[in-house]
Amino acid sequence: PISVARKVMEATPHVMLVGKGAYRFALE
């Protein structure tokens, strides 16, 4: 999950994604 968190930081305008949304983003 730490690497998904870094992707949230670098590839989205957001700070936090949760639950199914975070999972879908990780797969993408």
mmCIF file of all heavy atoms, coordinates in Angstrom:
data_MODEL
# 
_entry.id   MODEL 
# 
loop_
_atom_site.group_PDB 
_atom_site.id 
_atom_site.type_symbol 
_atom_site.label_atom_id 
_atom_site.label_alt_id 
_atom_site.label_comp_id 
_atom_site.label_asym_id 
_atom_site.label_entity_id 
_atom_site.label_seq_id 
_atom_site.pdbx_PDB_ins_code 
_atom_site.Cartn_x 
_atom_site.Cartn_y 
_atom_site.Cartn_z 
_atom_site.occupancy 
_atom_site.B_iso_or_equiv 
_atom_site.pdbx_formal_charge 
_atom_site.auth_seq_id 
_atom_site.auth_comp_id 
_atom_site.auth_asym_id 
_atom_site.auth_atom_id 
_atom_site.pdbx_PDB_model_num 
ATOM 1   N N   . PRO A 1 1  ? 0.800   -1.232 0.000   1.00 0.00 ? 1  PRO A N   1 
ATOM 2   C CA  . PRO A 1 1  ? 0.000   0.000  0.000   1.00 0.00 ? 1  PRO A CA  1 
ATOM 3   C C   . PRO A 1 1  ? 0.828   1.275  0.000   1.00 0.00 ? 1  PRO A C   1 
ATOM 4   O O   . PRO A 1 1  ? 0.352   2.311  -0.460  1.00 0.00 ? 1  PRO A O   1 
ATOM 5   C CB  . PRO A 1 1  ? -0.831  -0.130 1.285   1.00 0.00 ? 1  PRO A CB  1 
ATOM 6   C CG  . PRO A 1 1  ? -0.061  -1.081 2.144   1.00 0.00 ? 1  PRO A CG  1 
ATOM 7   C CD  . PRO A 1 1  ? 0.566   -2.048 1.204   1.00 0.00 ? 1  PRO A CD  1 
ATOM 8   N N   . ILE A 1 2  ? 2.085   1.211  0.502   1.00 0.00 ? 2  ILE A N   1 
ATOM 9   C CA  . ILE A 1 2  ? 2.894   2.432  0.507   1.00 0.00 ? 2  ILE A CA  1 
ATOM 10  C C   . ILE A 1 2  ? 3.175   2.915  -0.900  1.00 0.00 ? 2  ILE A C   1 
ATOM 11  O O   . ILE A 1 2  ? 3.209   4.128  -1.165  1.00 0.00 ? 2  ILE A O   1 
ATOM 12  C CB  . ILE A 1 2  ? 4.210   2.211  1.286   1.00 0.00 ? 2  ILE A CB  1 
ATOM 13  C CG1 . ILE A 1 2  ? 4.861   3.561  1.636   1.00 0.00 ? 2  ILE A CG1 1 
ATOM 14  C CG2 . ILE A 1 2  ? 5.177   1.324  0.527   1.00 0.00 ? 2  ILE A CG2 1 
ATOM 15  C CD1 . ILE A 1 2  ? 4.045   4.424  2.570   1.00 0.00 ? 2  ILE A CD1 1 
ATOM 16  N N   . SER A 1 3  ? 3.347   1.987  -1.832  1.00 0.00 ? 3  SER A N   1 
ATOM 17  C CA  . SER A 1 3  ? 3.610   2.373  -3.211  1.00 0.00 ? 3  SER A CA  1 
ATOM 18  C C   . SER A 1 3  ? 2.344   2.884  -3.896  1.00 0.00 ? 3  SER A C   1 
ATOM 19  O O   . SER A 1 3  ? 2.415   3.758  -4.771  1.00 0.00 ? 3  SER A O   1 
ATOM 20  C CB  . SER A 1 3  ? 4.201   1.190  -3.982  1.00 0.00 ? 3  SER A CB  1 
ATOM 21  O OG  . SER A 1 3  ? 5.478   0.854  -3.467  1.00 0.00 ? 3  SER A OG  1 
ATOM 22  N N   . VAL A 1 4  ? 1.187   2.357  -3.492  1.00 0.00 ? 4  VAL A N   1 
ATOM 23  C CA  . VAL A 1 4  ? -0.071  2.915  -3.989  1.00 0.00 ? 4  VAL A CA  1 
ATOM 24  C C   . VAL A 1 4  ? -0.243  4.339  -3.467  1.00 0.00 ? 4  VAL A C   1 
ATOM 25  O O   . VAL A 1 4  ? -0.669  5.242  -4.199  1.00 0.00 ? 4  VAL A O   1 
ATOM 26  C CB  . VAL A 1 4  ? -1.264  2.035  -3.583  1.00 0.00 ? 4  VAL A CB  1 
ATOM 27  C CG1 . VAL A 1 4  ? -2.561  2.588  -4.176  1.00 0.00 ? 4  VAL A CG1 1 
ATOM 28  C CG2 . VAL A 1 4  ? -1.057  0.589  -4.035  1.00 0.00 ? 4  VAL A CG2 1 
ATOM 29  N N   . ALA A 1 5  ? 0.096   4.548  -2.196  1.00 0.00 ? 5  ALA A N   1 
ATOM 30  C CA  . ALA A 1 5  ? 0.018   5.895  -1.620  1.00 0.00 ? 5  ALA A CA  1 
ATOM 31  C C   . ALA A 1 5  ? 0.906   6.865  -2.390  1.00 0.00 ? 5  ALA A C   1 
ATOM 32  O O   . ALA A 1 5  ? 0.515   8.020  -2.645  1.00 0.00 ? 5  ALA A O   1 
ATOM 33  C CB  . ALA A 1 5  ? 0.417   5.858  -0.149  1.00 0.00 ? 5  ALA A CB  1 
ATOM 34  N N   . ARG A 1 6  ? 2.095   6.423  -2.770  1.00 0.00 ? 6  ARG A N   1 
ATOM 35  C CA  . ARG A 1 6  ? 2.969   7.306  -3.551  1.00 0.00 ? 6  ARG A CA  1 
ATOM 36  C C   . ARG A 1 6  ? 2.358   7.622  -4.909  1.00 0.00 ? 6  ARG A C   1 
ATOM 37  O O   . ARG A 1 6  ? 2.468   8.762  -5.403  1.00 0.00 ? 6  ARG A O   1 
ATOM 38  C CB  . ARG A 1 6  ? 4.351   6.679  -3.713  1.00 0.00 ? 6  ARG A CB  1 
ATOM 39  C CG  . ARG A 1 6  ? 5.307   7.603  -4.473  1.00 0.00 ? 6  ARG A CG  1 
ATOM 40  C CD  . ARG A 1 6  ? 6.741   7.144  -4.413  1.00 0.00 ? 6  ARG A CD  1 
ATOM 41  N NE  . ARG A 1 6  ? 7.586   8.049  -5.188  1.00 0.00 ? 6  ARG A NE  1 
ATOM 42  C CZ  . ARG A 1 6  ? 8.909   7.962  -5.284  1.00 0.00 ? 6  ARG A CZ  1 
ATOM 43  N NH1 . ARG A 1 6  ? 9.555   6.993  -4.627  1.00 0.00 ? 6  ARG A NH1 1 
ATOM 44  N NH2 . ARG A 1 6  ? 9.595   8.821  -6.006  1.00 0.00 ? 6  ARG A NH2 1 
ATOM 45  N N   . LYS A 1 7  ? 1.698   6.648  -5.513  1.00 0.00 ? 7  LYS A N   1 
ATOM 46  C CA  . LYS A 1 7  ? 1.028   6.894  -6.795  1.00 0.00 ? 7  LYS A CA  1 
ATOM 47  C C   . LYS A 1 7  ? -0.107  7.891  -6.625  1.00 0.00 ? 7  LYS A C   1 
ATOM 48  O O   . LYS A 1 7  ? -0.346  8.734  -7.495  1.00 0.00 ? 7  LYS A O   1 
ATOM 49  C CB  . LYS A 1 7  ? 0.509   5.579  -7.373  1.00 0.00 ? 7  LYS A CB  1 
ATOM 50  C CG  . LYS A 1 7  ? 1.571   4.698  -8.003  1.00 0.00 ? 7  LYS A CG  1 
ATOM 51  C CD  . LYS A 1 7  ? 2.119   5.332  -9.291  1.00 0.00 ? 7  LYS A CD  1 
ATOM 52  C CE  . LYS A 1 7  ? 3.080   4.391  -9.994  1.00 0.00 ? 7  LYS A CE  1 
ATOM 53  N NZ  . LYS A 1 7  ? 3.649   5.016  -11.228 1.00 0.00 ? 7  LYS A NZ  1 
ATOM 54  N N   . VAL A 1 8  ? -0.829  7.802  -5.514  1.00 0.00 ? 8  VAL A N   1 
ATOM 55  C CA  . VAL A 1 8  ? -1.871  8.798  -5.244  1.00 0.00 ? 8  VAL A CA  1 
ATOM 56  C C   . VAL A 1 8  ? -1.252  10.195 -5.199  1.00 0.00 ? 8  VAL A C   1 
ATOM 57  O O   . VAL A 1 8  ? -1.787  11.159 -5.767  1.00 0.00 ? 8  VAL A O   1 
ATOM 58  C CB  . VAL A 1 8  ? -2.595  8.484  -3.918  1.00 0.00 ? 8  VAL A CB  1 
ATOM 59  C CG1 . VAL A 1 8  ? -3.541  9.629  -3.535  1.00 0.00 ? 8  VAL A CG1 1 
ATOM 60  C CG2 . VAL A 1 8  ? -3.363  7.175  -4.028  1.00 0.00 ? 8  VAL A CG2 1 
ATOM 61  N N   . MET A 1 9  ? -0.109  10.309 -4.550  1.00 0.00 ? 9  MET A N   1 
ATOM 62  C CA  . MET A 1 9  ? 0.589   11.586 -4.431  1.00 0.00 ? 9  MET A CA  1 
ATOM 63  C C   . MET A 1 9  ? 1.031   12.113 -5.787  1.00 0.00 ? 9  MET A C   1 
ATOM 64  O O   . MET A 1 9  ? 0.887   13.303 -6.086  1.00 0.00 ? 9  MET A O   1 
ATOM 65  C CB  . MET A 1 9  ? 1.805   11.423 -3.520  1.00 0.00 ? 9  MET A CB  1 
ATOM 66  C CG  . MET A 1 9  ? 2.654   12.676 -3.353  1.00 0.00 ? 9  MET A CG  1 
ATOM 67  S SD  . MET A 1 9  ? 4.060   12.442 -2.215  1.00 0.00 ? 9  MET A SD  1 
ATOM 68  C CE  . MET A 1 9  ? 5.174   11.481 -3.256  1.00 0.00 ? 9  MET A CE  1 
ATOM 69  N N   . GLU A 1 10 ? 1.549   11.245 -6.631  1.00 0.00 ? 10 GLU A N   1 
ATOM 70  C CA  . GLU A 1 10 ? 2.197   11.680 -7.869  1.00 0.00 ? 10 GLU A CA  1 
ATOM 71  C C   . GLU A 1 10 ? 1.284   11.684 -9.089  1.00 0.00 ? 10 GLU A C   1 
ATOM 72  O O   . GLU A 1 10 ? 1.542   12.416 -10.044 1.00 0.00 ? 10 GLU A O   1 
ATOM 73  C CB  . GLU A 1 10 ? 3.409   10.797 -8.147  1.00 0.00 ? 10 GLU A CB  1 
ATOM 74  C CG  . GLU A 1 10 ? 4.497   10.926 -7.088  1.00 0.00 ? 10 GLU A CG  1 
ATOM 75  C CD  . GLU A 1 10 ? 5.686   10.012 -7.312  1.00 0.00 ? 10 GLU A CD  1 
ATOM 76  O OE1 . GLU A 1 10 ? 5.534   8.998  -8.033  1.00 0.00 ? 10 GLU A OE1 1 
ATOM 77  O OE2 . GLU A 1 10 ? 6.769   10.298 -6.763  1.00 0.00 ? 10 GLU A OE2 1 
ATOM 78  N N   . ALA A 1 11 ? 0.218   10.879 -9.059  1.00 0.00 ? 11 ALA A N   1 
ATOM 79  C CA  . ALA A 1 11 ? -0.581  10.710 -10.282 1.00 0.00 ? 11 ALA A CA  1 
ATOM 80  C C   . ALA A 1 11 ? -2.013  11.206 -10.156 1.00 0.00 ? 11 ALA A C   1 
ATOM 81  O O   . ALA A 1 11 ? -2.790  11.083 -11.113 1.00 0.00 ? 11 ALA A O   1 
ATOM 82  C CB  . ALA A 1 11 ? -0.590  9.225  -10.685 1.00 0.00 ? 11 ALA A CB  1 
ATOM 83  N N   . THR A 1 12 ? -2.385  11.760 -9.002  1.00 0.00 ? 12 THR A N   1 
ATOM 84  C CA  . THR A 1 12 ? -3.744  12.275 -8.833  1.00 0.00 ? 12 THR A CA  1 
ATOM 85  C C   . THR A 1 12 ? -3.679  13.664 -8.188  1.00 0.00 ? 12 THR A C   1 
ATOM 86  O O   . THR A 1 12 ? -2.654  14.039 -7.606  1.00 0.00 ? 12 THR A O   1 
ATOM 87  C CB  . THR A 1 12 ? -4.603  11.360 -7.923  1.00 0.00 ? 12 THR A CB  1 
ATOM 88  O OG1 . THR A 1 12 ? -4.323  11.641 -6.542  1.00 0.00 ? 12 THR A OG1 1 
ATOM 89  C CG2 . THR A 1 12 ? -4.344  9.884  -8.217  1.00 0.00 ? 12 THR A CG2 1 
ATOM 90  N N   . PRO A 1 13 ? -4.787  14.416 -8.246  1.00 0.00 ? 13 PRO A N   1 
ATOM 91  C CA  . PRO A 1 13 ? -4.829  15.701 -7.536  1.00 0.00 ? 13 PRO A CA  1 
ATOM 92  C C   . PRO A 1 13 ? -5.223  15.543 -6.071  1.00 0.00 ? 13 PRO A C   1 
ATOM 93  O O   . PRO A 1 13 ? -5.383  16.542 -5.365  1.00 0.00 ? 13 PRO A O   1 
ATOM 94  C CB  . PRO A 1 13 ? -5.920  16.463 -8.309  1.00 0.00 ? 13 PRO A CB  1 
ATOM 95  C CG  . PRO A 1 13 ? -6.845  15.392 -8.783  1.00 0.00 ? 13 PRO A CG  1 
ATOM 96  C CD  . PRO A 1 13 ? -5.971  14.201 -9.091  1.00 0.00 ? 13 PRO A CD  1 
ATOM 97  N N   . HIS A 1 14 ? -5.343  14.309 -5.598  1.00 0.00 ? 14 HIS A N   1 
ATOM 98  C CA  . HIS A 1 14 ? -5.849  14.039 -4.257  1.00 0.00 ? 14 HIS A CA  1 
ATOM 99  C C   . HIS A 1 14 ? -4.725  13.651 -3.297  1.00 0.00 ? 14 HIS A C   1 
ATOM 100 O O   . HIS A 1 14 ? -3.601  13.370 -3.702  1.00 0.00 ? 14 HIS A O   1 
ATOM 101 C CB  . HIS A 1 14 ? -6.891  12.922 -4.315  1.00 0.00 ? 14 HIS A CB  1 
ATOM 102 C CG  . HIS A 1 14 ? -7.967  13.163 -5.315  1.00 0.00 ? 14 HIS A CG  1 
ATOM 103 N ND1 . HIS A 1 14 ? -8.743  14.307 -5.323  1.00 0.00 ? 14 HIS A ND1 1 
ATOM 104 C CD2 . HIS A 1 14 ? -8.393  12.417 -6.373  1.00 0.00 ? 14 HIS A CD2 1 
ATOM 105 C CE1 . HIS A 1 14 ? -9.609  14.259 -6.322  1.00 0.00 ? 14 HIS A CE1 1 
ATOM 106 N NE2 . HIS A 1 14 ? -9.406  13.132 -6.980  1.00 0.00 ? 14 HIS A NE2 1 
ATOM 107 N N   . VAL A 1 15 ? -5.075  13.610 -2.027  1.00 0.00 ? 15 VAL A N   1 
ATOM 108 C CA  . VAL A 1 15 ? -4.162  13.118 -1.002  1.00 0.00 ? 15 VAL A CA  1 
ATOM 109 C C   . VAL A 1 15 ? -4.529  11.701 -0.589  1.00 0.00 ? 15 VAL A C   1 
ATOM 110 O O   . VAL A 1 15 ? -3.645  10.865 -0.387  1.00 0.00 ? 15 VAL A O   1 
ATOM 111 C CB  . VAL A 1 15 ? -4.168  14.044 0.236   1.00 0.00 ? 15 VAL A CB  1 
ATOM 112 C CG1 . VAL A 1 15 ? -3.436  13.396 1.406   1.00 0.00 ? 15 VAL A CG1 1 
ATOM 113 C CG2 . VAL A 1 15 ? -3.511  15.380 -0.102  1.00 0.00 ? 15 VAL A CG2 1 
ATOM 114 N N   . MET A 1 16 ? -5.805  11.377 -0.474  1.00 0.00 ? 16 MET A N   1 
ATOM 115 C CA  . MET A 1 16 ? -6.218  10.078 0.050   1.00 0.00 ? 16 MET A CA  1 
ATOM 116 C C   . MET A 1 16 ? -7.268  9.417  -0.827  1.00 0.00 ? 16 MET A C   1 
ATOM 117 O O   . MET A 1 16 ? -8.221  10.069 -1.274  1.00 0.00 ? 16 MET A O   1 
ATOM 118 C CB  . MET A 1 16 ? -6.765  10.229 1.472   1.00 0.00 ? 16 MET A CB  1 
ATOM 119 C CG  . MET A 1 16 ? -7.309  8.928  2.072   1.00 0.00 ? 16 MET A CG  1 
ATOM 120 S SD  . MET A 1 16 ? -7.963  9.120  3.749   1.00 0.00 ? 16 MET A SD  1 
ATOM 121 C CE  . MET A 1 16 ? -6.436  9.125  4.692   1.00 0.00 ? 16 MET A CE  1 
ATOM 122 N N   . LEU A 1 17 ? -7.086  8.123  -1.052  1.00 0.00 ? 17 LEU A N   1 
ATOM 123 C CA  . LEU A 1 17 ? -8.104  7.264  -1.641  1.00 0.00 ? 17 LEU A CA  1 
ATOM 124 C C   . LEU A 1 17 ? -8.367  6.123  -0.672  1.00 0.00 ? 17 LEU A C   1 
ATOM 125 O O   . LEU A 1 17 ? -7.449  5.640  -0.008  1.00 0.00 ? 17 LEU A O   1 
ATOM 126 C CB  . LEU A 1 17 ? -7.655  6.707  -2.991  1.00 0.00 ? 17 LEU A CB  1 
ATOM 127 C CG  . LEU A 1 17 ? -7.452  7.711  -4.123  1.00 0.00 ? 17 LEU A CG  1 
ATOM 128 C CD1 . LEU A 1 17 ? -6.950  6.992  -5.378  1.00 0.00 ? 17 LEU A CD1 1 
ATOM 129 C CD2 . LEU A 1 17 ? -8.738  8.469  -4.439  1.00 0.00 ? 17 LEU A CD2 1 
ATOM 130 N N   . VAL A 1 18 ? -9.626  5.655  -0.624  1.00 0.00 ? 18 VAL A N   1 
ATOM 131 C CA  . VAL A 1 18 ? -9.975  4.619  0.350   1.00 0.00 ? 18 VAL A CA  1 
ATOM 132 C C   . VAL A 1 18 ? -10.771 3.500  -0.304  1.00 0.00 ? 18 VAL A C   1 
ATOM 133 O O   . VAL A 1 18 ? -11.379 3.665  -1.365  1.00 0.00 ? 18 VAL A O   1 
ATOM 134 C CB  . VAL A 1 18 ? -10.788 5.207  1.527   1.00 0.00 ? 18 VAL A CB  1 
ATOM 135 C CG1 . VAL A 1 18 ? -10.038 6.346  2.193   1.00 0.00 ? 18 VAL A CG1 1 
ATOM 136 C CG2 . VAL A 1 18 ? -12.159 5.674  1.058   1.00 0.00 ? 18 VAL A CG2 1 
ATOM 137 N N   . GLY A 1 19 ? -10.756 2.356  0.352   1.00 0.00 ? 19 GLY A N   1 
ATOM 138 C CA  . GLY A 1 19 ? -11.624 1.252  0.021   1.00 0.00 ? 19 GLY A CA  1 
ATOM 139 C C   . GLY A 1 19 ? -11.562 0.800  -1.426  1.00 0.00 ? 19 GLY A C   1 
ATOM 140 O O   . GLY A 1 19 ? -10.487 0.646  -2.019  1.00 0.00 ? 19 GLY A O   1 
ATOM 141 N N   . LYS A 1 20 ? -12.729 0.575  -2.008  1.00 0.00 ? 20 LYS A N   1 
ATOM 142 C CA  . LYS A 1 20 ? -12.821 0.068  -3.373  1.00 0.00 ? 20 LYS A CA  1 
ATOM 143 C C   . LYS A 1 20 ? -12.220 1.044  -4.379  1.00 0.00 ? 20 LYS A C   1 
ATOM 144 O O   . LYS A 1 20 ? -11.652 0.622  -5.390  1.00 0.00 ? 20 LYS A O   1 
ATOM 145 C CB  . LYS A 1 20 ? -14.274 -0.222 -3.726  1.00 0.00 ? 20 LYS A CB  1 
ATOM 146 C CG  . LYS A 1 20 ? -14.863 -1.398 -2.951  1.00 0.00 ? 20 LYS A CG  1 
ATOM 147 C CD  . LYS A 1 20 ? -16.307 -1.663 -3.367  1.00 0.00 ? 20 LYS A CD  1 
ATOM 148 C CE  . LYS A 1 20 ? -16.883 -2.857 -2.607  1.00 0.00 ? 20 LYS A CE  1 
ATOM 149 N NZ  . LYS A 1 20 ? -18.304 -3.127 -2.979  1.00 0.00 ? 20 LYS A NZ  1 
ATOM 150 N N   . GLY A 1 21 ? -12.335 2.331  -4.101  1.00 0.00 ? 21 GLY A N   1 
ATOM 151 C CA  . GLY A 1 21 ? -11.746 3.320  -5.000  1.00 0.00 ? 21 GLY A CA  1 
ATOM 152 C C   . GLY A 1 21 ? -10.234 3.228  -5.024  1.00 0.00 ? 21 GLY A C   1 
ATOM 153 O O   . GLY A 1 21 ? -9.606  3.319  -6.088  1.00 0.00 ? 21 GLY A O   1 
ATOM 154 N N   . ALA A 1 22 ? -9.629  3.027  -3.854  1.00 0.00 ? 22 ALA A N   1 
ATOM 155 C CA  . ALA A 1 22 ? -8.183  2.866  -3.786  1.00 0.00 ? 22 ALA A CA  1 
ATOM 156 C C   . ALA A 1 22 ? -7.748  1.582  -4.475  1.00 0.00 ? 22 ALA A C   1 
ATOM 157 O O   . ALA A 1 22 ? -6.721  1.549  -5.168  1.00 0.00 ? 22 ALA A O   1 
ATOM 158 C CB  . ALA A 1 22 ? -7.733  2.853  -2.318  1.00 0.00 ? 22 ALA A CB  1 
ATOM 159 N N   . TYR A 1 23 ? -8.535  0.523  -4.310  1.00 0.00 ? 23 TYR A N   1 
ATOM 160 C CA  . TYR A 1 23 ? -8.217  -0.754 -4.941  1.00 0.00 ? 23 TYR A CA  1 
ATOM 161 C C   . TYR A 1 23 ? -8.290  -0.631 -6.467  1.00 0.00 ? 23 TYR A C   1 
ATOM 162 O O   . TYR A 1 23 ? -7.394  -1.093 -7.184  1.00 0.00 ? 23 TYR A O   1 
ATOM 163 C CB  . TYR A 1 23 ? -9.186  -1.814 -4.443  1.00 0.00 ? 23 TYR A CB  1 
ATOM 164 C CG  . TYR A 1 23 ? -9.012  -3.168 -5.093  1.00 0.00 ? 23 TYR A CG  1 
ATOM 165 C CD1 . TYR A 1 23 ? -7.921  -3.972 -4.801  1.00 0.00 ? 23 TYR A CD1 1 
ATOM 166 C CD2 . TYR A 1 23 ? -9.966  -3.648 -6.001  1.00 0.00 ? 23 TYR A CD2 1 
ATOM 167 C CE1 . TYR A 1 23 ? -7.765  -5.222 -5.387  1.00 0.00 ? 23 TYR A CE1 1 
ATOM 168 C CE2 . TYR A 1 23 ? -9.820  -4.896 -6.593  1.00 0.00 ? 23 TYR A CE2 1 
ATOM 169 C CZ  . TYR A 1 23 ? -8.718  -5.676 -6.287  1.00 0.00 ? 23 TYR A CZ  1 
ATOM 170 O OH  . TYR A 1 23 ? -8.564  -6.905 -6.881  1.00 0.00 ? 23 TYR A OH  1 
ATOM 171 N N   . ARG A 1 24 ? -9.347  -0.017 -6.965  1.00 0.00 ? 24 ARG A N   1 
ATOM 172 C CA  . ARG A 1 24 ? -9.481  0.160  -8.411  1.00 0.00 ? 24 ARG A CA  1 
ATOM 173 C C   . ARG A 1 24 ? -8.333  0.994  -8.973  1.00 0.00 ? 24 ARG A C   1 
ATOM 174 O O   . ARG A 1 24 ? -7.766  0.684  -10.019 1.00 0.00 ? 24 ARG A O   1 
ATOM 175 C CB  . ARG A 1 24 ? -10.829 0.808  -8.735  1.00 0.00 ? 24 ARG A CB  1 
ATOM 176 C CG  . ARG A 1 24 ? -11.090 0.949  -10.238 1.00 0.00 ? 24 ARG A CG  1 
ATOM 177 C CD  . ARG A 1 24 ? -12.523 1.336  -10.517 1.00 0.00 ? 24 ARG A CD  1 
ATOM 178 N NE  . ARG A 1 24 ? -12.851 2.646  -9.980  1.00 0.00 ? 24 ARG A NE  1 
ATOM 179 C CZ  . ARG A 1 24 ? -13.754 2.859  -9.033  1.00 0.00 ? 24 ARG A CZ  1 
ATOM 180 N NH1 . ARG A 1 24 ? -14.412 1.837  -8.507  1.00 0.00 ? 24 ARG A NH1 1 
ATOM 181 N NH2 . ARG A 1 24 ? -14.019 4.077  -8.603  1.00 0.00 ? 24 ARG A NH2 1 
ATOM 182 N N   . PHE A 1 25 ? -7.985  2.055  -8.262  1.00 0.00 ? 25 PHE A N   1 
ATOM 183 C CA  . PHE A 1 25 ? -6.865  2.897  -8.698  1.00 0.00 ? 25 PHE A CA  1 
ATOM 184 C C   . PHE A 1 25 ? -5.573  2.096  -8.743  1.00 0.00 ? 25 PHE A C   1 
ATOM 185 O O   . PHE A 1 25 ? -4.788  2.214  -9.689  1.00 0.00 ? 25 PHE A O   1 
ATOM 186 C CB  . PHE A 1 25 ? -6.718  4.083  -7.735  1.00 0.00 ? 25 PHE A CB  1 
ATOM 187 C CG  . PHE A 1 25 ? -5.468  4.889  -7.944  1.00 0.00 ? 25 PHE A CG  1 
ATOM 188 C CD1 . PHE A 1 25 ? -5.361  5.770  -9.008  1.00 0.00 ? 25 PHE A CD1 1 
ATOM 189 C CD2 . PHE A 1 25 ? -4.382  4.762  -7.072  1.00 0.00 ? 25 PHE A CD2 1 
ATOM 190 C CE1 . PHE A 1 25 ? -4.204  6.521  -9.210  1.00 0.00 ? 25 PHE A CE1 1 
ATOM 191 C CE2 . PHE A 1 25 ? -3.229  5.501  -7.268  1.00 0.00 ? 25 PHE A CE2 1 
ATOM 192 C CZ  . PHE A 1 25 ? -3.141  6.381  -8.337  1.00 0.00 ? 25 PHE A CZ  1 
ATOM 193 N N   . ALA A 1 26 ? -5.342  1.261  -7.734  1.00 0.00 ? 26 ALA A N   1 
ATOM 194 C CA  . ALA A 1 26 ? -4.128  0.449  -7.707  1.00 0.00 ? 26 ALA A CA  1 
ATOM 195 C C   . ALA A 1 26 ? -4.051  -0.470 -8.919  1.00 0.00 ? 26 ALA A C   1 
ATOM 196 O O   . ALA A 1 26 ? -2.985  -0.596 -9.560  1.00 0.00 ? 26 ALA A O   1 
ATOM 197 C CB  . ALA A 1 26 ? -4.078  -0.368 -6.414  1.00 0.00 ? 26 ALA A CB  1 
ATOM 198 N N   . LEU A 1 27 ? -5.151  -1.111 -9.252  1.00 0.00 ? 27 LEU A N   1 
ATOM 199 C CA  . LEU A 1 27 ? -5.164  -1.988 -10.428 1.00 0.00 ? 27 LEU A CA  1 
ATOM 200 C C   . LEU A 1 27 ? -4.897  -1.199 -11.704 1.00 0.00 ? 27 LEU A C   1 
ATOM 201 O O   . LEU A 1 27 ? -4.154  -1.651 -12.593 1.00 0.00 ? 27 LEU A O   1 
ATOM 202 C CB  . LEU A 1 27 ? -6.511  -2.715 -10.527 1.00 0.00 ? 27 LEU A CB  1 
ATOM 203 C CG  . LEU A 1 27 ? -6.857  -3.684 -9.390  1.00 0.00 ? 27 LEU A CG  1 
ATOM 204 C CD1 . LEU A 1 27 ? -8.220  -4.327 -9.649  1.00 0.00 ? 27 LEU A CD1 1 
ATOM 205 C CD2 . LEU A 1 27 ? -5.783  -4.744 -9.214  1.00 0.00 ? 27 LEU A CD2 1 
ATOM 206 N N   . GLU A 1 28 ? -5.471  -0.009 -11.798 1.00 0.00 ? 28 GLU A N   1 
ATOM 207 C CA  . GLU A 1 28 ? -5.253  0.837  -12.976 1.00 0.00 ? 28 GLU A CA  1 
ATOM 208 C C   . GLU A 1 28 ? -3.796  1.241  -13.111 1.00 0.00 ? 28 GLU A C   1 
ATOM 209 O O   . GLU A 1 28 ? -3.296  1.457  -14.215 1.00 0.00 ? 28 GLU A O   1 
ATOM 210 C CB  . GLU A 1 28 ? -6.131  2.085  -12.888 1.00 0.00 ? 28 GLU A CB  1 
ATOM 211 C CG  . GLU A 1 28 ? -7.624  1.818  -13.049 1.00 0.00 ? 28 GLU A CG  1 
ATOM 212 C CD  . GLU A 1 28 ? -8.473  3.022  -12.714 1.00 0.00 ? 28 GLU A CD  1 
ATOM 213 O OE1 . GLU A 1 28 ? -7.897  4.038  -12.205 1.00 0.00 ? 28 GLU A OE1 1 
ATOM 214 O OE2 . GLU A 1 28 ? -9.694  2.971  -12.917 1.00 0.00 ? 28 GLU A OE2 1 
# 
